[in-house]
Amino acid sequence: MADRIYLDHAATTPMTEAAVAAVVEGMARWANPSSPHAEGRAARAALEGARAKIAAAYGWAHELVLTSGASESLHMALTRSMAERRLITAVEHDSVLRHSEGATVLPVDANGILDLEALQGALAGRGRTLLCVQWANSETGVRQPIAAIAEIVRGAGGILLVDAAQMPAHADEAVLRHADLVAVSAHKRGGPPGIGALLVRDFGTLLPMGGQEKGYRAGTENLPGALGYAAAVSEPEDLARMASLRVGLEQAIRDAGGEVVGEASPRSPLIGAYRMPGVSSAAQLIRFDLGGISVSAGSACSSGSMRPSHVLSAMGWSEPELREVVRVSFGRSTSEGEVARFAELWRTIADEKRARAA
């Protein structure tokens, strides 16, 4: 597997060496952080130190509830926020769609951006409302205008929940300044799976449930996971380098007759989605996998079923078109040579298609 190229970092990214070492350290601190004895107190001190490091890495100066990951954080916010109504966008992650029965679904435009007029209309004259919106879409990388959205939601007295599972630490000042609730995840940032957090501006917006985490989440705390998370997000990510890799890849894909999804929108430097006309996503994934390259057809939570993307459908793509799209996502370890090898194979597959059609 050493010679393979991994370009599916939006699904999960390898743990950093520092995160692995921190998890091992946490395993040695086996005591329950809620126990009153010396071992428990030492574990509690380590846990609170990790919590503070995670918050500091994101630049968050408010409350932080440790969870099992972004999906649990989103579920907590969606089901226990002090709101009478819920709004979601049509391009939210499956973990949001599963827990949003009865929510009003707001449209996006052809570039994947939330329709702000529709948002204003949905908020007008109603009770206190929570809006859930992604920082960046996990399939397309399209980023939402958080500051403009927050102005509308705050103006209506609503609560803004941001799904920031794909957001690197310190990546967007608007989220830190305006969001009321923020769901984040360790394994997208080089930390271990099974740990995440809900950043909470004011506990007054969230119903407690008893147990640990100041009464907002029951269950013994995951100390090894928290230490690994803190170590991972404390290491900076070179977003400028990854943005440069994405820009170069997209030029190569356009030159080869491909299409860039959401190219007119602000996008994450880490995620791109590309259509190869006439070649199905499934066929592309097989060819890339056989060529030693790992990519996906969208979110890991849905791509396994290969069902049509609700995200691309909401952006107005036809079903034949959206079934020809693959996602490429970058991480700390991604190199120029790896991206060049992907682009070369992309061109080979596209040329073969054109030759067969001639």
Protein backbone atom coordinates (compact mmCIF):
# COMPACT_ATOMS: atom_id res chain seq x y z
CA MET A 1 0.00 0.00 0.00
CA ALA A 2 3.01 2.29 0.38
CA ASP A 3 3.08 3.24 -3.30
CA ARG A 4 -0.61 4.17 -3.43
CA ILE A 5 -1.80 7.77 -3.59
CA TYR A 6 -4.46 8.81 -1.10
CA LEU A 7 -6.65 11.72 -2.25
CA ASP A 8 -9.70 11.14 -0.03
CA HIS A 9 -8.73 13.23 2.99
CA ALA A 10 -12.26 14.69 3.31
CA ALA A 11 -13.45 11.20 4.30
CA THR A 12 -10.66 10.82 6.86
CA THR A 13 -7.03 11.77 6.97
CA PRO A 14 -4.08 9.88 8.48
CA MET A 15 -3.30 10.60 12.12
CA THR A 16 -0.29 12.82 12.66
CA GLU A 17 2.69 11.39 14.54
CA ALA A 18 2.00 13.76 17.41
CA ALA A 19 -1.62 12.60 17.60
CA VAL A 20 -0.59 8.94 17.69
CA ALA A 21 1.88 9.66 20.50
CA ALA A 22 -0.76 11.57 22.44
CA VAL A 23 -3.27 8.72 22.12
CA VAL A 24 -0.66 6.30 23.45
CA GLU A 25 -0.06 8.65 26.37
CA GLY A 26 -3.79 8.75 27.00
CA MET A 27 -3.99 4.96 27.06
CA ALA A 28 -1.46 5.00 29.89
CA ARG A 29 -3.71 7.41 31.81
CA TRP A 30 -6.33 4.73 32.34
CA ALA A 31 -8.20 6.29 35.27
CA ASN A 32 -11.73 7.68 34.94
CA PRO A 33 -11.57 11.50 34.81
CA SER A 34 -14.69 11.65 36.98
CA SER A 35 -13.11 9.66 39.84
CA PRO A 36 -12.16 11.69 42.95
CA HIS A 37 -8.90 9.86 43.74
CA ALA A 38 -5.40 10.93 42.68
CA GLU A 39 -5.42 8.89 39.47
CA GLY A 40 -8.80 10.30 38.50
CA ARG A 41 -7.72 13.85 39.27
CA ALA A 42 -4.63 13.41 37.09
CA ALA A 43 -6.81 12.13 34.25
CA ARG A 44 -9.18 15.07 34.73
CA ALA A 45 -6.31 17.54 34.56
CA ALA A 46 -5.10 15.96 31.31
CA LEU A 47 -8.63 16.05 29.86
CA GLU A 48 -9.15 19.71 30.70
CA GLY A 49 -5.73 20.53 29.29
CA ALA A 50 -6.74 18.85 26.02
CA ARG A 51 -10.06 20.69 25.99
CA ALA A 52 -8.28 24.02 26.39
CA LYS A 53 -5.83 23.19 23.58
CA ILE A 54 -8.63 22.21 21.19
CA ALA A 55 -10.55 25.42 21.92
CA ALA A 56 -7.40 27.51 21.54
CA ALA A 57 -6.53 25.85 18.23
CA TYR A 58 -9.91 26.86 16.82
CA GLY A 59 -9.70 30.29 18.45
CA TRP A 60 -12.87 29.53 20.44
CA ALA A 61 -13.20 31.48 23.70
CA HIS A 62 -16.48 29.96 24.88
CA GLU A 63 -17.76 26.49 25.91
CA LEU A 64 -16.65 23.21 24.37
CA VAL A 65 -18.44 19.88 24.79
CA LEU A 66 -16.43 16.82 23.81
CA THR A 67 -18.41 14.31 21.73
CA SER A 68 -17.80 11.18 19.65
CA GLY A 69 -17.51 13.24 16.48
CA ALA A 70 -19.20 15.85 14.30
CA SER A 71 -22.25 13.65 13.66
CA GLU A 72 -23.05 13.47 17.38
CA SER A 73 -22.31 17.17 17.77
CA LEU A 74 -24.79 17.99 15.00
CA HIS A 75 -27.42 15.65 16.46
CA MET A 76 -26.99 17.29 19.87
CA ALA A 77 -27.38 20.77 18.44
CA LEU A 78 -30.30 19.91 16.17
CA THR A 79 -32.34 18.05 18.79
CA ARG A 80 -31.50 19.98 21.97
CA SER A 81 -31.16 23.60 20.91
CA MET A 82 -33.59 26.09 22.44
CA ALA A 83 -35.35 26.73 19.15
CA GLU A 84 -38.93 26.25 18.04
CA ARG A 85 -38.12 25.65 14.38
CA ARG A 86 -35.23 24.30 12.33
CA LEU A 87 -33.97 25.28 8.91
CA ILE A 88 -31.37 23.38 6.90
CA THR A 89 -29.94 23.88 3.43
CA ALA A 90 -30.60 21.43 0.61
CA VAL A 91 -26.90 20.50 0.49
CA GLU A 92 -26.31 19.52 4.13
CA HIS A 93 -24.50 16.33 5.11
CA ASP A 94 -26.46 13.09 5.52
CA SER A 95 -25.92 13.23 9.29
CA VAL A 96 -27.98 16.46 9.31
CA LEU A 97 -30.68 15.17 6.97
CA ARG A 98 -31.19 12.10 9.17
CA HIS A 99 -31.98 14.21 12.23
CA SER A 100 -33.99 17.00 10.63
CA GLU A 101 -37.45 15.54 10.17
CA GLY A 102 -39.90 18.41 9.90
CA ALA A 103 -37.21 20.99 9.17
CA THR A 104 -37.67 23.53 6.40
CA VAL A 105 -35.20 22.87 3.56
CA LEU A 106 -33.77 25.99 1.92
CA PRO A 107 -32.60 26.05 -1.71
CA VAL A 108 -29.15 26.83 -3.05
CA ASP A 109 -28.23 28.39 -6.36
CA ALA A 110 -26.37 26.71 -9.24
CA ASN A 111 -23.08 27.47 -7.50
CA GLY A 112 -24.16 25.74 -4.29
CA ILE A 113 -24.65 28.95 -2.26
CA LEU A 114 -27.61 29.32 0.09
CA ASP A 115 -30.41 31.51 -1.30
CA LEU A 116 -30.32 34.40 1.19
CA GLU A 117 -33.73 35.73 0.12
CA ALA A 118 -35.24 32.32 0.86
CA LEU A 119 -33.54 32.39 4.25
CA GLN A 120 -35.00 35.80 5.05
CA GLY A 121 -38.45 34.64 4.01
CA ALA A 122 -38.24 31.49 6.12
CA LEU A 123 -37.24 33.50 9.21
CA ALA A 124 -39.85 36.26 8.84
CA GLY A 125 -42.52 36.40 11.54
CA ARG A 126 -41.80 32.96 13.00
CA GLY A 127 -40.67 31.70 16.41
CA ARG A 128 -37.05 31.30 17.42
CA THR A 129 -35.36 29.36 14.65
CA LEU A 130 -32.13 27.40 14.30
CA LEU A 131 -30.36 27.34 10.93
CA CYS A 132 -27.86 24.55 10.23
CA VAL A 133 -25.38 25.35 7.47
CA GLN A 134 -22.04 23.89 6.43
CA TRP A 135 -18.79 25.83 6.50
CA ALA A 136 -17.80 23.95 3.33
CA ASN A 137 -19.68 21.23 1.53
CA SER A 138 -18.05 17.84 1.97
CA GLU A 139 -18.75 16.83 -1.65
CA THR A 140 -17.98 20.02 -3.59
CA GLY A 141 -15.92 22.14 -1.20
CA VAL A 142 -18.28 25.10 -1.78
CA ARG A 143 -18.12 27.51 1.16
CA GLN A 144 -21.13 29.38 2.45
CA PRO A 145 -21.05 33.14 3.21
CA ILE A 146 -21.16 32.70 6.98
CA ALA A 147 -20.97 36.40 7.86
CA ALA A 148 -23.88 37.33 5.59
CA ILE A 149 -25.92 34.36 6.79
CA ALA A 150 -25.20 35.22 10.42
CA GLU A 151 -26.37 38.80 9.94
CA ILE A 152 -29.75 37.55 8.71
CA VAL A 153 -30.13 34.84 11.37
CA ARG A 154 -29.02 37.08 14.23
CA GLY A 155 -31.28 39.88 12.98
CA ALA A 156 -34.24 37.54 13.31
CA GLY A 157 -33.20 36.38 16.78
CA GLY A 158 -32.26 32.92 15.53
CA ILE A 159 -29.51 30.44 16.37
CA LEU A 160 -26.74 29.68 13.87
CA LEU A 161 -25.32 26.14 13.83
CA VAL A 162 -22.30 25.64 11.58
CA ASP A 163 -21.23 22.17 10.46
CA ALA A 164 -17.48 22.75 10.43
CA ALA A 165 -16.38 19.12 10.18
CA GLN A 166 -14.30 20.05 7.12
CA MET A 167 -12.91 23.28 8.57
CA PRO A 168 -9.24 23.43 9.55
CA ALA A 169 -8.48 25.20 12.80
CA HIS A 170 -8.50 29.02 12.50
CA ALA A 171 -9.75 28.73 8.92
CA ASP A 172 -12.63 31.22 9.10
CA GLU A 173 -12.90 34.17 11.44
CA ALA A 174 -16.58 34.57 10.55
CA VAL A 175 -17.43 31.23 12.16
CA LEU A 176 -15.64 32.20 15.37
CA ARG A 177 -17.31 35.62 15.48
CA HIS A 178 -20.85 34.74 14.50
CA ALA A 179 -21.76 31.07 15.06
CA ASP A 180 -23.71 30.05 18.15
CA LEU A 181 -22.95 26.34 17.79
CA VAL A 182 -20.13 24.72 15.78
CA ALA A 183 -19.67 20.99 15.12
CA VAL A 184 -16.05 19.89 14.60
CA SER A 185 -14.28 16.56 14.13
CA ALA A 186 -10.84 15.15 14.98
CA HIS A 187 -10.35 12.55 12.25
CA LYS A 188 -10.71 15.14 9.48
CA ARG A 189 -7.78 17.06 10.97
CA GLY A 190 -5.26 14.30 11.64
CA GLY A 191 -6.67 13.22 14.98
CA PRO A 192 -8.19 9.86 15.95
CA PRO A 193 -11.69 8.74 14.98
CA GLY A 194 -14.37 8.69 17.65
CA ILE A 195 -13.75 12.17 19.06
CA GLY A 196 -15.09 15.60 18.17
CA ALA A 197 -16.65 18.59 19.83
CA LEU A 198 -19.58 20.95 19.87
CA LEU A 199 -18.42 24.52 20.33
CA VAL A 200 -21.10 26.42 22.26
CA ARG A 201 -21.22 30.18 22.55
CA ASP A 202 -23.81 30.16 25.35
CA PHE A 203 -25.14 27.11 27.20
CA GLY A 204 -28.43 28.99 27.37
CA THR A 205 -29.09 27.90 23.78
CA LEU A 206 -28.76 24.18 24.60
CA LEU A 207 -30.81 21.85 26.82
CA PRO A 208 -28.68 19.82 29.27
CA MET A 209 -29.18 16.08 29.64
CA GLY A 210 -27.19 15.26 32.76
CA GLY A 211 -24.02 13.25 33.19
CA GLN A 212 -20.54 14.35 32.21
CA GLU A 213 -19.39 17.34 30.16
CA LYS A 214 -21.00 19.87 32.52
CA GLY A 215 -24.25 17.95 32.20
CA TYR A 216 -24.44 18.18 28.40
CA ARG A 217 -23.24 14.69 27.49
CA ALA A 218 -23.39 11.46 29.47
CA GLY A 219 -20.64 8.83 29.38
CA THR A 220 -17.06 8.37 30.48
CA GLU A 221 -14.85 10.87 28.68
CA ASN A 222 -12.56 9.66 25.90
CA LEU A 223 -9.24 10.87 27.29
CA PRO A 224 -6.96 9.22 24.67
CA GLY A 225 -9.13 10.64 21.92
CA ALA A 226 -9.15 14.12 23.43
CA LEU A 227 -5.37 14.14 23.80
CA GLY A 228 -4.95 12.95 20.21
CA TYR A 229 -7.37 15.59 18.95
CA ALA A 230 -5.57 18.35 20.84
CA ALA A 231 -2.22 17.26 19.43
CA ALA A 232 -3.52 17.12 15.85
CA VAL A 233 -5.22 20.53 15.73
CA SER A 234 -2.25 22.15 17.44
CA GLU A 235 -0.22 21.40 14.31
CA PRO A 236 -0.87 23.97 11.55
CA GLU A 237 -2.04 22.92 8.10
CA ASP A 238 -0.48 24.60 5.06
CA LEU A 239 -3.72 25.69 3.41
CA ALA A 240 -1.98 27.92 0.85
CA ARG A 241 0.05 24.96 -0.43
CA MET A 242 -3.04 22.78 -0.71
CA ALA A 243 -4.99 25.53 -2.45
CA SER A 244 -2.17 25.76 -4.98
CA LEU A 245 -2.36 22.00 -5.57
CA ARG A 246 -6.11 22.22 -6.15
CA VAL A 247 -5.81 25.15 -8.56
CA GLY A 248 -3.15 23.35 -10.60
CA LEU A 249 -5.19 20.16 -10.74
CA GLU A 250 -8.28 22.02 -11.89
CA GLN A 251 -6.45 23.63 -14.77
CA ALA A 252 -5.25 20.19 -15.88
CA ILE A 253 -8.79 18.82 -15.63
CA ARG A 254 -10.23 21.67 -17.70
CA ASP A 255 -7.50 21.14 -20.29
CA ALA A 256 -8.53 17.48 -20.47
CA GLY A 257 -12.19 18.35 -21.09
CA GLY A 258 -13.38 17.97 -17.51
CA GLU A 259 -15.72 20.21 -15.54
CA VAL A 260 -15.08 21.75 -12.11
CA VAL A 261 -18.08 21.71 -9.79
CA GLY A 262 -18.90 25.04 -8.14
CA GLU A 263 -15.89 26.79 -9.68
CA ALA A 264 -17.58 30.21 -9.48
CA SER A 265 -17.99 29.91 -5.70
CA PRO A 266 -15.56 30.37 -2.81
CA ARG A 267 -14.35 26.87 -1.98
CA SER A 268 -12.30 25.02 0.57
CA PRO A 269 -8.65 24.68 -0.47
CA LEU A 270 -8.89 21.01 0.50
CA ILE A 271 -11.81 19.71 -1.62
CA GLY A 272 -12.66 19.64 -5.30
CA ALA A 273 -15.32 17.82 -7.32
CA TYR A 274 -14.86 17.10 -11.03
CA ARG A 275 -17.03 15.75 -13.81
CA MET A 276 -15.62 13.56 -16.58
CA PRO A 277 -18.28 13.69 -19.32
CA GLY A 278 -19.37 10.29 -20.55
CA VAL A 279 -17.59 8.26 -17.85
CA SER A 280 -19.53 7.17 -14.78
CA SER A 281 -18.26 7.85 -11.28
CA ALA A 282 -18.22 4.11 -10.62
CA ALA A 283 -16.06 3.43 -13.68
CA GLN A 284 -13.70 6.25 -12.73
CA LEU A 285 -13.32 4.98 -9.16
CA ILE A 286 -12.42 1.52 -10.44
CA ARG A 287 -9.83 2.88 -12.87
CA PHE A 288 -8.26 5.18 -10.30
CA ASP A 289 -8.20 2.44 -7.68
CA LEU A 290 -6.56 0.01 -10.11
CA GLY A 291 -4.09 2.79 -10.90
CA GLY A 292 -3.18 3.06 -7.22
CA ILE A 293 -5.15 6.24 -6.46
CA SER A 294 -7.86 6.57 -3.81
CA VAL A 295 -10.63 9.09 -4.48
CA SER A 296 -14.38 9.01 -3.88
CA ALA A 297 -17.71 9.83 -5.48
CA GLY A 298 -18.72 12.17 -2.66
CA SER A 299 -19.29 12.01 1.08
CA ALA A 300 -18.06 8.76 2.64
CA CYS A 301 -21.43 8.40 4.38
CA SER A 302 -23.24 8.16 1.04
CA SER A 303 -20.72 7.24 -1.67
CA GLY A 304 -20.67 3.60 -0.59
CA SER A 305 -24.24 3.25 -1.82
CA MET A 306 -23.42 5.12 -5.08
CA ARG A 307 -26.85 6.74 -4.92
CA PRO A 308 -27.30 10.04 -6.78
CA SER A 309 -25.85 13.04 -4.96
CA HIS A 310 -28.53 15.20 -3.34
CA VAL A 311 -25.96 18.01 -3.27
CA LEU A 312 -25.40 18.12 -7.03
CA SER A 313 -29.11 17.60 -7.62
CA ALA A 314 -29.88 20.66 -5.46
CA MET A 315 -27.39 22.63 -7.59
CA GLY A 316 -29.38 21.76 -10.71
CA TRP A 317 -27.26 18.98 -12.15
CA SER A 318 -29.08 16.31 -14.15
CA GLU A 319 -28.84 12.73 -12.94
CA PRO A 320 -26.64 11.60 -15.85
CA GLU A 321 -24.25 14.49 -15.18
CA LEU A 322 -24.02 14.05 -11.42
CA ARG A 323 -23.27 10.36 -11.90
CA GLU A 324 -20.03 11.39 -13.68
CA VAL A 325 -18.47 13.32 -10.76
CA VAL A 326 -15.67 12.28 -8.41
CA ARG A 327 -14.28 14.10 -5.38
CA VAL A 328 -10.58 14.76 -4.78
CA SER A 329 -9.46 16.02 -1.37
CA PHE A 330 -6.05 17.01 -0.09
CA GLY A 331 -4.22 16.63 3.21
CA ARG A 332 -0.92 17.39 4.93
CA SER A 333 0.85 14.58 3.08
CA THR A 334 -0.38 15.37 -0.44
CA SER A 335 2.45 16.21 -2.84
CA GLU A 336 2.68 17.85 -6.26
CA GLY A 337 3.85 14.56 -7.73
CA GLU A 338 0.79 12.74 -6.45
CA VAL A 339 -1.56 15.35 -7.90
CA ALA A 340 0.32 15.22 -11.22
CA ARG A 341 -0.08 11.44 -11.32
CA PHE A 342 -3.81 11.76 -10.72
CA ALA A 343 -4.13 14.38 -13.46
CA GLU A 344 -2.21 12.16 -15.88
CA LEU A 345 -4.52 9.20 -15.25
CA TRP A 346 -7.56 11.49 -15.49
CA ARG A 347 -6.43 12.59 -18.95
CA THR A 348 -5.76 8.98 -20.00
CA ILE A 349 -9.28 7.87 -19.01
CA ALA A 350 -10.88 10.91 -20.70
CA ASP A 351 -8.85 10.37 -23.90
CA GLU A 352 -9.86 6.70 -24.00
CA LYS A 353 -13.53 7.74 -23.75
CA ARG A 354 -13.17 10.20 -26.61
CA ALA A 355 -11.35 7.62 -28.73
CA ARG A 356 -14.16 5.11 -28.24
CA ALA A 357 -16.75 7.71 -29.17
CA ALA A 358 -14.92 8.74 -32.36
